[in-house]
Amino acid sequence: MCEANVYLTSGAPGEEPDLFLAAVDEIIPDGSGVWKLTSIFGEQKFVKGSILSMNLVDHRILFRKANGAES
């Protein structure tokens, strides 16, 4: 399988990232800092922020969220 779990962090020191969406297989930027995430089950969520890291071996993508921006 090629999906990954997406986690969110504010970037604060010592903060543990929170799982935002599991089994994501598509990430599409809209050009304004908002990303559309779609899981293998068809669930869609949007997050405003930037990608901090991608570890595809561990199926983990970490986003730094913009101020209060997630849905």
PDB file of N, CA and C in Angstrom:
ATOM      1  N   MET A   1       0.840  -1.180   0.000  1.00  0.00           N
ATOM      2  CA  MET A   1       0.000   0.000   0.000  1.00  0.00           C
ATOM      3  C   MET A   1       0.886   1.245   0.000  1.00  0.00           C
ATOM      4  N   CYS A   2       0.378   2.300  -0.584  1.00  0.00           N
ATOM      5  CA  CYS A   2       1.169   3.520  -0.739  1.00  0.00           C
ATOM      6  C   CYS A   2       0.609   4.701   0.046  1.00  0.00           C
ATOM      7  N   GLU A   3      -0.369   4.472   0.896  1.00  0.00           N
ATOM      8  CA  GLU A   3      -0.952   5.582   1.632  1.00  0.00           C
ATOM      9  C   GLU A   3      -0.088   5.932   2.844  1.00  0.00           C
ATOM     10  N   ALA A   4      -0.344   7.131   3.383  1.00  0.00           N
ATOM     11  CA  ALA A   4       0.400   7.608   4.547  1.00  0.00           C
ATOM     12  C   ALA A   4      -0.568   8.281   5.510  1.00  0.00           C
ATOM     13  N   ASN A   5      -0.205   8.325   6.774  1.00  0.00           N
ATOM     14  CA  ASN A   5      -0.968   9.062   7.777  1.00  0.00           C
ATOM     15  C   ASN A   5      -0.443  10.492   7.834  1.00  0.00           C
ATOM     16  N   VAL A   6      -1.365  11.446   7.932  1.00  0.00           N
ATOM     17  CA  VAL A   6      -0.996  12.858   7.993  1.00  0.00           C
ATOM     18  C   VAL A   6      -1.171  13.342   9.430  1.00  0.00           C
ATOM     19  N   TYR A   7      -0.122  13.977   9.937  1.00  0.00           N
ATOM     20  CA  TYR A   7      -0.109  14.528  11.290  1.00  0.00           C
ATOM     21  C   TYR A   7       0.044  16.036  11.218  1.00  0.00           C
ATOM     22  N   LEU A   8      -0.507  16.742  12.218  1.00  0.00           N
ATOM     23  CA  LEU A   8      -0.400  18.198  12.301  1.00  0.00           C
ATOM     24  C   LEU A   8       0.359  18.609  13.555  1.00  0.00           C
ATOM     25  N   THR A   9       1.123  19.680  13.409  1.00  0.00           N
ATOM     26  CA  THR A   9       1.814  20.290  14.543  1.00  0.00           C
ATOM     27  C   THR A   9       1.785  21.801  14.357  1.00  0.00           C
ATOM     28  N   SER A  10       1.853  22.515  15.462  1.00  0.00           N
ATOM     29  CA  SER A  10       1.983  23.974  15.381  1.00  0.00           C
ATOM     30  C   SER A  10       3.455  24.360  15.334  1.00  0.00           C
ATOM     31  N   GLY A  11       4.325  23.394  15.593  1.00  0.00           N
ATOM     32  CA  GLY A  11       5.755  23.648  15.573  1.00  0.00           C
ATOM     33  C   GLY A  11       6.321  24.047  16.927  1.00  0.00           C
ATOM     34  N   ALA A  12       5.488  24.046  17.959  1.00  0.00           N
ATOM     35  CA  ALA A  12       5.962  24.400  19.300  1.00  0.00           C
ATOM     36  C   ALA A  12       6.942  23.337  19.804  1.00  0.00           C
ATOM     37  N   PRO A  13       8.011  23.763  20.473  1.00  0.00           N
ATOM     38  CA  PRO A  13       8.985  22.799  20.988  1.00  0.00           C
ATOM     39  C   PRO A  13       8.331  21.780  21.918  1.00  0.00           C
ATOM     40  N   GLY A  14       8.651  20.504  21.718  1.00  0.00           N
ATOM     41  CA  GLY A  14       8.153  19.442  22.566  1.00  0.00           C
ATOM     42  C   GLY A  14       6.733  18.999  22.274  1.00  0.00           C
ATOM     43  N   GLU A  15       6.080  19.636  21.325  1.00  0.00           N
ATOM     44  CA  GLU A  15       4.703  19.273  21.004  1.00  0.00           C
ATOM     45  C   GLU A  15       4.661  17.949  20.240  1.00  0.00           C
ATOM     46  N   GLU A  16       3.745  17.071  20.624  1.00  0.00           N
ATOM     47  CA  GLU A  16       3.525  15.826  19.894  1.00  0.00           C
ATOM     48  C   GLU A  16       2.528  16.091  18.771  1.00  0.00           C
ATOM     49  N   PRO A  17       2.854  15.723  17.553  1.00  0.00           N
ATOM     50  CA  PRO A  17       1.902  15.929  16.446  1.00  0.00           C
ATOM     51  C   PRO A  17       0.636  15.105  16.642  1.00  0.00           C
ATOM     52  N   ASP A  18      -0.488  15.640  16.162  1.00  0.00           N
ATOM     53  CA  ASP A  18      -1.778  14.967  16.242  1.00  0.00           C
ATOM     54  C   ASP A  18      -2.110  14.335  14.894  1.00  0.00           C
ATOM     55  N   LEU A  19      -2.664  13.123  14.940  1.00  0.00           N
ATOM     56  CA  LEU A  19      -3.115  12.485  13.716  1.00  0.00           C
ATOM     57  C   LEU A  19      -4.275  13.300  13.159  1.00  0.00           C
ATOM     58  N   PHE A  20      -4.177  13.683  11.891  1.00  0.00           N
ATOM     59  CA  PHE A  20      -5.212  14.484  11.247  1.00  0.00           C
ATOM     60  C   PHE A  20      -6.077  13.633  10.323  1.00  0.00           C
ATOM     61  N   LEU A  21      -5.435  12.779   9.530  1.00  0.00           N
ATOM     62  CA  LEU A  21      -6.170  11.911   8.619  1.00  0.00           C
ATOM     63  C   LEU A  21      -5.319  10.689   8.318  1.00  0.00           C
ATOM     64  N   ALA A  22      -5.921   9.521   8.453  1.00  0.00           N
ATOM     65  CA  ALA A  22      -5.209   8.263   8.200  1.00  0.00           C
ATOM     66  C   ALA A  22      -5.424   7.806   6.762  1.00  0.00           C
ATOM     67  N   ALA A  23      -4.482   7.007   6.285  1.00  0.00           N
ATOM     68  CA  ALA A  23      -4.583   6.341   4.981  1.00  0.00           C
ATOM     69  C   ALA A  23      -4.797   7.325   3.829  1.00  0.00           C
ATOM     70  N   VAL A  24      -4.022   8.401   3.817  1.00  0.00           N
ATOM     71  CA  VAL A  24      -4.119   9.410   2.761  1.00  0.00           C
ATOM     72  C   VAL A  24      -3.373   8.911   1.526  1.00  0.00           C
ATOM     73  N   ASP A  25      -4.054   9.022   0.374  1.00  0.00           N
ATOM     74  CA  ASP A  25      -3.385   8.627  -0.858  1.00  0.00           C
ATOM     75  C   ASP A  25      -3.302   9.758  -1.872  1.00  0.00           C
ATOM     76  N   GLU A  26      -3.886  10.929  -1.530  1.00  0.00           N
ATOM     77  CA  GLU A  26      -3.800  12.059  -2.451  1.00  0.00           C
ATOM     78  C   GLU A  26      -3.703  13.353  -1.653  1.00  0.00           C
ATOM     79  N   ILE A  27      -2.734  14.189  -2.034  1.00  0.00           N
ATOM     80  CA  ILE A  27      -2.551  15.506  -1.432  1.00  0.00           C
ATOM     81  C   ILE A  27      -2.421  16.498  -2.580  1.00  0.00           C
ATOM     82  N   ILE A  28      -3.341  17.471  -2.616  1.00  0.00           N
ATOM     83  CA  ILE A  28      -3.360  18.430  -3.725  1.00  0.00           C
ATOM     84  C   ILE A  28      -3.290  19.845  -3.155  1.00  0.00           C
ATOM     85  N   PRO A  29      -2.264  20.638  -3.542  1.00  0.00           N
ATOM     86  CA  PRO A  29      -2.202  22.034  -3.100  1.00  0.00           C
ATOM     87  C   PRO A  29      -3.129  22.892  -3.960  1.00  0.00           C
ATOM     88  N   ASP A  30      -3.678  23.963  -3.359  1.00  0.00           N
ATOM     89  CA  ASP A  30      -4.523  24.860  -4.156  1.00  0.00           C
ATOM     90  C   ASP A  30      -3.788  26.139  -4.547  1.00  0.00           C
ATOM     91  N   GLY A  31      -2.535  26.262  -4.138  1.00  0.00           N
ATOM     92  CA  GLY A  31      -1.743  27.430  -4.510  1.00  0.00           C
ATOM     93  C   GLY A  31      -1.762  28.553  -3.492  1.00  0.00           C
ATOM     94  N   SER A  32      -2.640  28.469  -2.500  1.00  0.00           N
ATOM     95  CA  SER A  32      -2.715  29.531  -1.486  1.00  0.00           C
ATOM     96  C   SER A  32      -2.368  29.013  -0.096  1.00  0.00           C
ATOM     97  N   GLY A  33      -1.671  27.869  -0.035  1.00  0.00           N
ATOM     98  CA  GLY A  33      -1.283  27.309   1.250  1.00  0.00           C
ATOM     99  C   GLY A  33      -2.292  26.344   1.832  1.00  0.00           C
ATOM    100  N   VAL A  34      -3.365  26.061   1.092  1.00  0.00           N
ATOM    101  CA  VAL A  34      -4.363  25.092   1.533  1.00  0.00           C
ATOM    102  C   VAL A  34      -4.148  23.799   0.753  1.00  0.00           C
ATOM    103  N   TRP A  35      -4.207  22.694   1.484  1.00  0.00           N
ATOM    104  CA  TRP A  35      -3.988  21.377   0.894  1.00  0.00           C
ATOM    105  C   TRP A  35      -5.244  20.544   1.057  1.00  0.00           C
ATOM    106  N   LYS A  36      -5.664  19.891  -0.024  1.00  0.00           N
ATOM    107  CA  LYS A  36      -6.797  18.961   0.021  1.00  0.00           C
ATOM    108  C   LYS A  36      -6.234  17.556   0.188  1.00  0.00           C
ATOM    109  N   LEU A  37      -6.660  16.877   1.239  1.00  0.00           N
ATOM    110  CA  LEU A  37      -6.211  15.519   1.533  1.00  0.00           C
ATOM    111  C   LEU A  37      -7.376  14.570   1.303  1.00  0.00           C
ATOM    112  N   THR A  38      -7.111  13.459   0.643  1.00  0.00           N
ATOM    113  CA  THR A  38      -8.139  12.452   0.403  1.00  0.00           C
ATOM    114  C   THR A  38      -7.605  11.097   0.840  1.00  0.00           C
ATOM    115  N   SER A  39      -8.407  10.397   1.640  1.00  0.00           N
ATOM    116  CA  SER A  39      -7.996   9.076   2.123  1.00  0.00           C
ATOM    117  C   SER A  39      -8.435   8.006   1.123  1.00  0.00           C
ATOM    118  N   ILE A  40      -7.945   6.789   1.328  1.00  0.00           N
ATOM    119  CA  ILE A  40      -8.325   5.681   0.461  1.00  0.00           C
ATOM    120  C   ILE A  40      -9.807   5.332   0.621  1.00  0.00           C
ATOM    121  N   PHE A  41     -10.446   5.850   1.669  1.00  0.00           N
ATOM    122  CA  PHE A  41     -11.864   5.605   1.922  1.00  0.00           C
ATOM    123  C   PHE A  41     -12.747   6.723   1.365  1.00  0.00           C
ATOM    124  N   GLY A  42     -12.129   7.716   0.697  1.00  0.00           N
ATOM    125  CA  GLY A  42     -12.878   8.812   0.107  1.00  0.00           C
ATOM    126  C   GLY A  42     -13.111   9.988   1.024  1.00  0.00           C
ATOM    127  N   GLU A  43     -12.642   9.903   2.278  1.00  0.00           N
ATOM    128  CA  GLU A  43     -12.794  11.030   3.202  1.00  0.00           C
ATOM    129  C   GLU A  43     -11.876  12.166   2.765  1.00  0.00           C
ATOM    130  N   GLN A  44     -12.404  13.390   2.756  1.00  0.00           N
ATOM    131  CA  GLN A  44     -11.613  14.555   2.370  1.00  0.00           C
ATOM    132  C   GLN A  44     -11.530  15.541   3.526  1.00  0.00           C
ATOM    133  N   LYS A  45     -10.345  16.090   3.705  1.00  0.00           N
ATOM    134  CA  LYS A  45     -10.122  17.151   4.685  1.00  0.00           C
ATOM    135  C   LYS A  45      -9.199  18.182   4.052  1.00  0.00           C
ATOM    136  N   PHE A  46      -9.248  19.391   4.600  1.00  0.00           N
ATOM    137  CA  PHE A  46      -8.407  20.480   4.122  1.00  0.00           C
ATOM    138  C   PHE A  46      -7.569  20.994   5.277  1.00  0.00           C
ATOM    139  N   VAL A  47      -6.333  21.345   4.975  1.00  0.00           N
ATOM    140  CA  VAL A  47      -5.456  21.921   5.996  1.00  0.00           C
ATOM    141  C   VAL A  47      -4.696  23.088   5.370  1.00  0.00           C
ATOM    142  N   LYS A  48      -4.568  24.164   6.128  1.00  0.00           N
ATOM    143  CA  LYS A  48      -3.783  25.310   5.689  1.00  0.00           C
ATOM    144  C   LYS A  48      -2.467  25.266   6.439  1.00  0.00           C
ATOM    145  N   GLY A  49      -1.383  25.215   5.700  1.00  0.00           N
ATOM    146  CA  GLY A  49      -0.070  25.131   6.317  1.00  0.00           C
ATOM    147  C   GLY A  49       0.976  24.696   5.316  1.00  0.00           C
ATOM    148  N   SER A  50       2.029  24.074   5.828  1.00  0.00           N
ATOM    149  CA  SER A  50       3.128  23.635   4.968  1.00  0.00           C
ATOM    150  C   SER A  50       3.616  22.261   5.409  1.00  0.00           C
ATOM    151  N   ILE A  51       4.180  21.542   4.466  1.00  0.00           N
ATOM    152  CA  ILE A  51       4.727  20.226   4.774  1.00  0.00           C
ATOM    153  C   ILE A  51       6.083  20.402   5.451  1.00  0.00           C
ATOM    154  N   LEU A  52       6.218  19.825   6.651  1.00  0.00           N
ATOM    155  CA  LEU A  52       7.498  19.862   7.368  1.00  0.00           C
ATOM    156  C   LEU A  52       8.377  18.690   6.978  1.00  0.00           C
ATOM    157  N   SER A  53       7.764  17.499   6.871  1.00  0.00           N
ATOM    158  CA  SER A  53       8.548  16.315   6.522  1.00  0.00           C
ATOM    159  C   SER A  53       7.643  15.240   5.946  1.00  0.00           C
ATOM    160  N   MET A  54       8.257  14.396   5.132  1.00  0.00           N
ATOM    161  CA  MET A  54       7.573  13.231   4.577  1.00  0.00           C
ATOM    162  C   MET A  54       8.500  12.041   4.750  1.00  0.00           C
ATOM    163  N   ASN A  55       8.017  11.030   5.458  1.00  0.00           N
ATOM    164  CA  ASN A  55       8.769   9.795   5.629  1.00  0.00           C
ATOM    165  C   ASN A  55       7.898   8.684   5.050  1.00  0.00           C
ATOM    166  N   LEU A  56       8.125   8.377   3.785  1.00  0.00           N
ATOM    167  CA  LEU A  56       7.252   7.436   3.101  1.00  0.00           C
ATOM    168  C   LEU A  56       7.523   5.994   3.500  1.00  0.00           C
ATOM    169  N   VAL A  57       8.702   5.703   4.000  1.00  0.00           N
ATOM    170  CA  VAL A  57       8.978   4.363   4.507  1.00  0.00           C
ATOM    171  C   VAL A  57       8.095   4.083   5.720  1.00  0.00           C
ATOM    172  N   ASP A  58       7.933   5.100   6.573  1.00  0.00           N
ATOM    173  CA  ASP A  58       7.088   4.969   7.766  1.00  0.00           C
ATOM    174  C   ASP A  58       5.644   5.403   7.515  1.00  0.00           C
ATOM    175  N   HIS A  59       5.318   5.788   6.270  1.00  0.00           N
ATOM    176  CA  HIS A  59       3.960   6.201   5.893  1.00  0.00           C
ATOM    177  C   HIS A  59       3.482   7.367   6.760  1.00  0.00           C
ATOM    178  N   ARG A  60       4.316   8.401   6.867  1.00  0.00           N
ATOM    179  CA  ARG A  60       4.039   9.522   7.767  1.00  0.00           C
ATOM    180  C   ARG A  60       4.370  10.842   7.079  1.00  0.00           C
ATOM    181  N   ILE A  61       3.389  11.757   7.071  1.00  0.00           N
ATOM    182  CA  ILE A  61       3.580  13.100   6.529  1.00  0.00           C
ATOM    183  C   ILE A  61       3.228  14.088   7.633  1.00  0.00           C
ATOM    184  N   LEU A  62       4.113  15.031   7.881  1.00  0.00           N
ATOM    185  CA  LEU A  62       3.928  16.003   8.957  1.00  0.00           C
ATOM    186  C   LEU A  62       3.728  17.396   8.367  1.00  0.00           C
ATOM    187  N   PHE A  63       2.598  18.013   8.716  1.00  0.00           N
ATOM    188  CA  PHE A  63       2.279  19.382   8.305  1.00  0.00           C
ATOM    189  C   PHE A  63       2.437  20.313   9.498  1.00  0.00           C
ATOM    190  N   ARG A  64       2.955  21.511   9.230  1.00  0.00           N
ATOM    191  CA  ARG A  64       2.870  22.599  10.215  1.00  0.00           C
ATOM    192  C   ARG A  64       1.656  23.409   9.829  1.00  0.00           C
ATOM    193  N   LYS A  65       0.665  23.436  10.711  1.00  0.00           N
ATOM    194  CA  LYS A  65      -0.562  24.139  10.386  1.00  0.00           C
ATOM    195  C   LYS A  65      -0.407  25.639  10.581  1.00  0.00           C
ATOM    196  N   ALA A  66      -1.091  26.386   9.732  1.00  0.00           N
ATOM    197  CA  ALA A  66      -1.159  27.833   9.882  1.00  0.00           C
ATOM    198  C   ALA A  66      -2.077  28.118  11.064  1.00  0.00           C
ATOM    199  N   ASN A  67      -2.060  29.315  11.569  1.00  0.00           N
ATOM    200  CA  ASN A  67      -2.836  29.696  12.755  1.00  0.00           C
ATOM    201  C   ASN A  67      -4.282  29.248  12.696  1.00  0.00           C
ATOM    202  N   GLY A  68      -4.604  28.206  13.466  1.00  0.00           N
ATOM    203  CA  GLY A  68      -5.966  27.738  13.600  1.00  0.00           C
ATOM    204  C   GLY A  68      -6.631  27.216  12.334  1.00  0.00           C
ATOM    205  N   ALA A  69      -5.858  26.849  11.331  1.00  0.00           N
ATOM    206  CA  ALA A  69      -6.450  26.479  10.047  1.00  0.00           C
ATOM    207  C   ALA A  69      -6.436  24.975   9.823  1.00  0.00           C
ATOM    208  N   GLU A  70      -7.547  24.348  10.071  1.00  0.00           N
ATOM    209  CA  GLU A  70      -7.745  22.946   9.719  1.00  0.00           C
ATOM    210  C   GLU A  70      -9.237  22.688   9.649  1.00  0.00           C
ATOM    211  N   SER A  71      -9.637  21.735   8.846  1.00  0.00           N
ATOM    212  CA  SER A  71     -11.072  21.412   8.739  1.00  0.00           C
ATOM    213  C   SER A  71     -11.259  19.981   8.313  1.00  0.00           C
TER     214      SER A  71
END
